[in-house]
Amino acid sequence: MELNCRAGTPHPTVILLVETIRSLDVTTQPQIFHLLIELKKEYHLSYVIIMHELTAVTYICDRVMFMKNGLVVELIDQMEDFPQLTHRYSKKLLTSVLDIGCHHQRQ
């Protein structure tokens, strides 16, 4: 497993995660999610997460921005707003996750 970490400050408040779980096996992914959530709570962190894995997004994110071809097509503030998505692309992405039964409820 390759993991790239760079620190620009000893006590960051925002951490950028790019395709964080893509190369991890399905048993390791939940462990990383739990670790990220615990670190967020303990150190009052914010994450900017760039990924294509919507299952992870629904599990760990408070706000979600949908982008298509580099443009923002939708932004939701609450995960509970997923049913109210308005853009066709956002709905299609979410439906693809729900259709395969991978939608996780946040704790």
N, C-alpha and C. Protein backbone atom coordinates (compact mmCIF):
# COMPACT_ATOMS: atom_id res chain seq x y z
N MET A 1 0.85 -1.17 0.00
CA MET A 1 0.00 0.00 0.00
C MET A 1 0.89 1.23 0.00
N GLU A 2 0.60 2.14 -0.88
CA GLU A 2 1.34 3.40 -0.94
C GLU A 2 0.53 4.49 -0.26
N LEU A 3 1.18 5.23 0.60
CA LEU A 3 0.50 6.30 1.32
C LEU A 3 1.38 7.53 1.26
N ASN A 4 0.84 8.59 0.69
CA ASN A 4 1.57 9.85 0.62
C ASN A 4 1.07 10.78 1.70
N CYS A 5 1.96 11.28 2.51
CA CYS A 5 1.61 12.23 3.56
C CYS A 5 2.57 13.41 3.48
N ARG A 6 2.00 14.59 3.52
CA ARG A 6 2.82 15.79 3.55
C ARG A 6 2.22 16.73 4.59
N ALA A 7 3.06 17.29 5.39
CA ALA A 7 2.59 18.21 6.42
C ALA A 7 3.20 19.58 6.17
N GLY A 8 2.34 20.58 6.08
CA GLY A 8 2.80 21.94 5.90
C GLY A 8 2.80 22.70 7.20
N THR A 9 2.14 22.14 8.19
CA THR A 9 2.04 22.78 9.50
C THR A 9 1.92 21.69 10.55
N PRO A 10 2.45 21.91 11.75
CA PRO A 10 2.40 20.86 12.76
C PRO A 10 0.99 20.61 13.32
N HIS A 11 0.09 21.59 13.20
CA HIS A 11 -1.27 21.44 13.73
C HIS A 11 -2.27 21.92 12.68
N PRO A 12 -2.49 21.11 11.65
CA PRO A 12 -3.40 21.57 10.59
C PRO A 12 -4.85 21.60 11.06
N THR A 13 -5.64 22.44 10.43
CA THR A 13 -7.08 22.47 10.69
C THR A 13 -7.85 21.92 9.50
N VAL A 14 -7.22 21.93 8.33
CA VAL A 14 -7.82 21.39 7.11
C VAL A 14 -6.83 20.42 6.49
N ILE A 15 -7.33 19.24 6.13
CA ILE A 15 -6.50 18.23 5.50
C ILE A 15 -7.12 17.86 4.16
N LEU A 16 -6.30 17.83 3.12
CA LEU A 16 -6.74 17.45 1.78
C LEU A 16 -6.48 15.96 1.58
N LEU A 17 -7.51 15.22 1.23
CA LEU A 17 -7.41 13.78 0.97
C LEU A 17 -7.84 13.53 -0.47
N VAL A 18 -6.94 12.98 -1.28
CA VAL A 18 -7.24 12.74 -2.69
C VAL A 18 -7.23 11.23 -2.94
N GLU A 19 -8.39 10.71 -3.34
CA GLU A 19 -8.54 9.27 -3.63
C GLU A 19 -7.91 8.44 -2.51
N THR A 20 -8.27 8.76 -1.29
CA THR A 20 -7.65 8.20 -0.10
C THR A 20 -7.77 6.69 0.01
N ILE A 21 -8.88 6.13 -0.38
CA ILE A 21 -9.12 4.70 -0.14
C ILE A 21 -9.05 3.84 -1.38
N ARG A 22 -8.77 4.44 -2.51
CA ARG A 22 -8.86 3.71 -3.78
C ARG A 22 -8.07 2.41 -3.77
N SER A 23 -6.89 2.40 -3.22
CA SER A 23 -6.05 1.21 -3.28
C SER A 23 -6.18 0.30 -2.05
N LEU A 24 -7.07 0.63 -1.15
CA LEU A 24 -7.23 -0.16 0.07
C LEU A 24 -8.25 -1.27 -0.12
N ASP A 25 -8.03 -2.40 0.53
CA ASP A 25 -9.00 -3.49 0.43
C ASP A 25 -10.23 -3.15 1.29
N VAL A 26 -11.31 -3.87 1.06
CA VAL A 26 -12.58 -3.53 1.70
C VAL A 26 -12.58 -3.73 3.20
N THR A 27 -11.66 -4.51 3.74
CA THR A 27 -11.60 -4.67 5.19
C THR A 27 -10.82 -3.52 5.84
N THR A 28 -9.93 -2.90 5.10
CA THR A 28 -9.13 -1.79 5.63
C THR A 28 -9.87 -0.47 5.52
N GLN A 29 -10.70 -0.31 4.50
CA GLN A 29 -11.41 0.95 4.28
C GLN A 29 -12.20 1.42 5.50
N PRO A 30 -13.03 0.58 6.13
CA PRO A 30 -13.77 1.04 7.30
C PRO A 30 -12.86 1.48 8.45
N GLN A 31 -11.72 0.82 8.60
CA GLN A 31 -10.78 1.20 9.64
C GLN A 31 -10.25 2.62 9.39
N ILE A 32 -9.96 2.92 8.15
CA ILE A 32 -9.48 4.26 7.80
C ILE A 32 -10.59 5.29 8.02
N PHE A 33 -11.83 4.96 7.64
CA PHE A 33 -12.96 5.86 7.88
C PHE A 33 -13.09 6.20 9.36
N HIS A 34 -13.06 5.16 10.19
CA HIS A 34 -13.19 5.37 11.63
C HIS A 34 -12.04 6.21 12.18
N LEU A 35 -10.84 5.95 11.69
CA LEU A 35 -9.69 6.73 12.12
C LEU A 35 -9.86 8.20 11.74
N LEU A 36 -10.28 8.46 10.51
CA LEU A 36 -10.48 9.84 10.06
C LEU A 36 -11.55 10.54 10.89
N ILE A 37 -12.62 9.83 11.20
CA ILE A 37 -13.70 10.42 12.01
C ILE A 37 -13.20 10.72 13.42
N GLU A 38 -12.46 9.81 14.01
CA GLU A 38 -11.93 10.03 15.35
C GLU A 38 -10.94 11.20 15.37
N LEU A 39 -10.07 11.27 14.37
CA LEU A 39 -9.12 12.39 14.29
C LEU A 39 -9.85 13.72 14.11
N LYS A 40 -10.91 13.68 13.32
CA LYS A 40 -11.71 14.90 13.09
C LYS A 40 -12.30 15.41 14.42
N LYS A 41 -12.84 14.49 15.20
CA LYS A 41 -13.43 14.86 16.48
C LYS A 41 -12.37 15.34 17.48
N GLU A 42 -11.30 14.57 17.59
CA GLU A 42 -10.29 14.86 18.60
C GLU A 42 -9.53 16.16 18.34
N TYR A 43 -9.22 16.41 17.06
CA TYR A 43 -8.40 17.58 16.72
C TYR A 43 -9.18 18.70 16.03
N HIS A 44 -10.50 18.55 15.98
CA HIS A 44 -11.37 19.56 15.35
C HIS A 44 -10.92 19.85 13.92
N LEU A 45 -10.74 18.79 13.15
CA LEU A 45 -10.25 18.91 11.77
C LEU A 45 -11.39 19.06 10.78
N SER A 46 -11.04 19.62 9.66
CA SER A 46 -11.92 19.63 8.49
C SER A 46 -11.18 18.92 7.38
N TYR A 47 -11.91 18.15 6.59
CA TYR A 47 -11.31 17.45 5.47
C TYR A 47 -11.89 17.98 4.17
N VAL A 48 -11.04 18.10 3.18
CA VAL A 48 -11.49 18.30 1.81
C VAL A 48 -11.14 16.99 1.13
N ILE A 49 -12.16 16.27 0.72
CA ILE A 49 -11.96 14.92 0.18
C ILE A 49 -12.34 14.91 -1.29
N ILE A 50 -11.39 14.51 -2.12
CA ILE A 50 -11.63 14.38 -3.55
C ILE A 50 -11.61 12.90 -3.86
N MET A 51 -12.76 12.36 -4.24
CA MET A 51 -12.81 10.93 -4.57
C MET A 51 -14.03 10.61 -5.41
N HIS A 52 -13.95 9.48 -6.04
CA HIS A 52 -15.05 8.99 -6.87
C HIS A 52 -15.88 7.95 -6.13
N GLU A 53 -15.43 7.54 -4.97
CA GLU A 53 -16.10 6.50 -4.19
C GLU A 53 -17.22 7.11 -3.35
N LEU A 54 -18.43 7.13 -3.90
CA LEU A 54 -19.55 7.75 -3.20
C LEU A 54 -19.94 7.03 -1.92
N THR A 55 -19.66 5.76 -1.83
CA THR A 55 -19.96 5.04 -0.61
C THR A 55 -19.21 5.68 0.56
N ALA A 56 -17.96 5.97 0.34
CA ALA A 56 -17.14 6.61 1.38
C ALA A 56 -17.64 8.02 1.67
N VAL A 57 -18.01 8.72 0.64
CA VAL A 57 -18.50 10.10 0.79
C VAL A 57 -19.73 10.12 1.69
N THR A 58 -20.65 9.21 1.48
CA THR A 58 -21.87 9.20 2.28
C THR A 58 -21.57 8.84 3.73
N TYR A 59 -20.48 8.17 3.97
CA TYR A 59 -20.13 7.73 5.31
C TYR A 59 -19.41 8.81 6.12
N ILE A 60 -18.52 9.56 5.49
CA ILE A 60 -17.62 10.41 6.26
C ILE A 60 -17.88 11.91 6.09
N CYS A 61 -18.57 12.32 5.05
CA CYS A 61 -18.68 13.76 4.75
C CYS A 61 -19.95 14.39 5.30
N ASP A 62 -19.82 15.65 5.70
CA ASP A 62 -20.96 16.44 6.13
C ASP A 62 -21.56 17.21 4.96
N ARG A 63 -20.71 17.68 4.07
CA ARG A 63 -21.13 18.43 2.89
C ARG A 63 -20.53 17.75 1.67
N VAL A 64 -21.26 17.76 0.56
CA VAL A 64 -20.80 17.11 -0.66
C VAL A 64 -20.98 18.05 -1.84
N MET A 65 -19.92 18.16 -2.63
CA MET A 65 -19.96 18.96 -3.86
C MET A 65 -19.81 17.98 -5.03
N PHE A 66 -20.77 18.00 -5.92
CA PHE A 66 -20.70 17.17 -7.11
C PHE A 66 -20.10 18.00 -8.25
N MET A 67 -19.11 17.41 -8.93
CA MET A 67 -18.48 18.11 -10.04
C MET A 67 -18.54 17.24 -11.28
N LYS A 68 -18.69 17.89 -12.41
CA LYS A 68 -18.67 17.20 -13.70
C LYS A 68 -17.84 18.05 -14.65
N ASN A 69 -16.84 17.45 -15.24
CA ASN A 69 -15.95 18.15 -16.16
C ASN A 69 -15.34 19.40 -15.54
N GLY A 70 -15.00 19.32 -14.26
CA GLY A 70 -14.35 20.43 -13.57
C GLY A 70 -15.27 21.53 -13.10
N LEU A 71 -16.56 21.38 -13.28
CA LEU A 71 -17.54 22.39 -12.86
C LEU A 71 -18.42 21.85 -11.74
N VAL A 72 -18.71 22.70 -10.78
CA VAL A 72 -19.61 22.31 -9.69
C VAL A 72 -21.04 22.27 -10.24
N VAL A 73 -21.69 21.12 -10.09
CA VAL A 73 -23.07 21.01 -10.56
C VAL A 73 -24.07 20.98 -9.41
N GLU A 74 -23.57 20.66 -8.20
CA GLU A 74 -24.48 20.61 -7.05
C GLU A 74 -23.67 20.61 -5.76
N LEU A 75 -24.23 21.23 -4.74
CA LEU A 75 -23.63 21.26 -3.41
C LEU A 75 -24.73 21.01 -2.40
N ILE A 76 -24.51 20.03 -1.53
CA ILE A 76 -25.49 19.77 -0.48
C ILE A 76 -24.80 19.91 0.88
N ASP A 77 -25.52 20.49 1.82
CA ASP A 77 -24.97 20.77 3.15
C ASP A 77 -25.19 19.64 4.14
N GLN A 78 -26.18 18.86 3.95
CA GLN A 78 -26.50 17.78 4.87
C GLN A 78 -26.61 16.49 4.09
N MET A 79 -26.08 15.41 4.65
CA MET A 79 -26.17 14.12 3.97
C MET A 79 -27.62 13.70 3.81
N GLU A 80 -28.48 14.20 4.69
CA GLU A 80 -29.90 13.87 4.59
C GLU A 80 -30.53 14.48 3.34
N ASP A 81 -29.83 15.44 2.71
CA ASP A 81 -30.34 16.10 1.50
C ASP A 81 -30.15 15.26 0.25
N PHE A 82 -29.50 14.11 0.36
CA PHE A 82 -29.29 13.29 -0.83
C PHE A 82 -30.58 13.03 -1.60
N PRO A 83 -31.69 12.74 -0.93
CA PRO A 83 -32.93 12.50 -1.70
C PRO A 83 -33.41 13.73 -2.48
N GLN A 84 -32.99 14.92 -2.10
CA GLN A 84 -33.44 16.14 -2.77
C GLN A 84 -32.46 16.64 -3.84
N LEU A 85 -31.56 15.81 -4.30
CA LEU A 85 -30.64 16.24 -5.35
C LEU A 85 -31.43 16.71 -6.56
N THR A 86 -30.95 17.77 -7.19
CA THR A 86 -31.69 18.33 -8.32
C THR A 86 -31.00 18.11 -9.66
N HIS A 87 -29.69 18.03 -9.68
CA HIS A 87 -28.99 17.89 -10.95
C HIS A 87 -29.00 16.43 -11.42
N ARG A 88 -29.22 16.24 -12.70
CA ARG A 88 -29.33 14.90 -13.27
C ARG A 88 -28.06 14.07 -13.03
N TYR A 89 -26.90 14.69 -13.17
CA TYR A 89 -25.62 13.98 -12.98
C TYR A 89 -25.47 13.51 -11.54
N SER A 90 -25.79 14.37 -10.57
CA SER A 90 -25.71 14.01 -9.15
C SER A 90 -26.62 12.83 -8.85
N LYS A 91 -27.85 12.89 -9.36
CA LYS A 91 -28.81 11.81 -9.13
C LYS A 91 -28.30 10.50 -9.71
N LYS A 92 -27.71 10.58 -10.90
CA LYS A 92 -27.21 9.38 -11.56
C LYS A 92 -26.07 8.75 -10.76
N LEU A 93 -25.18 9.58 -10.24
CA LEU A 93 -24.08 9.07 -9.41
C LEU A 93 -24.61 8.38 -8.15
N LEU A 94 -25.52 9.03 -7.47
CA LEU A 94 -26.07 8.45 -6.25
C LEU A 94 -26.84 7.17 -6.54
N THR A 95 -27.61 7.16 -7.59
CA THR A 95 -28.38 5.98 -7.96
C THR A 95 -27.47 4.80 -8.25
N SER A 96 -26.32 5.05 -8.85
CA SER A 96 -25.39 3.96 -9.15
C SER A 96 -24.89 3.30 -7.87
N VAL A 97 -24.72 4.06 -6.81
CA VAL A 97 -24.28 3.51 -5.53
C VAL A 97 -25.43 2.76 -4.87
N LEU A 98 -26.61 3.35 -4.86
CA LEU A 98 -27.76 2.72 -4.21
C LEU A 98 -28.17 1.44 -4.93
N ASP A 99 -28.03 1.43 -6.26
CA ASP A 99 -28.43 0.25 -7.03
C ASP A 99 -27.60 -0.98 -6.68
N ILE A 100 -26.35 -0.78 -6.27
CA ILE A 100 -25.54 -1.95 -5.93
C ILE A 100 -25.54 -2.23 -4.42
N GLY A 101 -26.37 -1.47 -3.70
CA GLY A 101 -26.56 -1.74 -2.28
C GLY A 101 -25.40 -1.37 -1.40
N CYS A 102 -24.65 -0.33 -1.77
CA CYS A 102 -23.47 0.03 -0.99
C CYS A 102 -23.65 1.29 -0.17
N HIS A 103 -24.85 1.82 -0.08
CA HIS A 103 -25.04 3.06 0.68
C HIS A 103 -24.93 2.77 2.17
N HIS A 104 -24.04 3.48 2.86
CA HIS A 104 -23.83 3.29 4.29
C HIS A 104 -24.52 4.39 5.06
N GLN A 105 -25.10 4.07 6.19
CA GLN A 105 -25.65 5.06 7.09
C GLN A 105 -24.53 5.60 7.95
N ARG A 106 -24.49 6.90 8.13
CA ARG A 106 -23.47 7.51 8.97
C ARG A 106 -23.79 7.24 10.43
N GLN A 107 -22.75 7.16 11.23
CA GLN A 107 -22.94 6.93 12.67
C GLN A 107 -23.02 8.23 13.40
